[in-house]
Amino acid sequence: MLGNQDVTAFVATTAPLSAKQFYGETLGLRLVEETPYALVFEAGRTVLRVQIVLEFTPHPFTAVGWRVADIADTVEQLAAKGVVCERFEMLRQDSSGIWVSPNGDRVAWFKDPDGNLISLAQSA
C-alpha cells in the first residue's frame, strides 16, 4: 500500500532562522515552502518538514538520515562548513567520526542547531 509512495520526514526547531540556514545552506537542501508553522525542504524525492515549535527536547537517537555514495567525502565537505561529527564512547570511530558497522556499512552522525541527531550512511 505505501511501499511505492514517497516519504515525508519531520524534525522540529525552536530557531527557524538557524534551521533555514543549516538545512538550506549547510546541507544544501532546496527550500520549497516557508510558513509560520514549518520550513519545507526537498532532499531528492523526500520532503523534509522542519516543524517550528515553541519548545523542543531532541531525542537521544537519530531523527533523520541520508544514504550517501561516499561518506568520507560528504563528512569532509560538511566539516569544511563547520559541521562536527558526534563521538560515541561505545563505538570505534575513525578520525573523521565514521564508524564501520559489523556488516561493513559506514555511518557518521552530527547534530542540527536544535540538537536533532542526523546520520549519514554508506552501504558496504
Foldseek 3Di string as FASTA:
>chain_A
DCPPPAEEAEAEDQDVVQQCCCVCVLVPWAFDDDDPFWTWTDDPRYIYTHGHDNDDDADPDAREEEEDADVVVVLVSSVVVVWAWDADPVFDAPPSQWGQDPQGKIKIWTAGPNRHIYMYIYHD
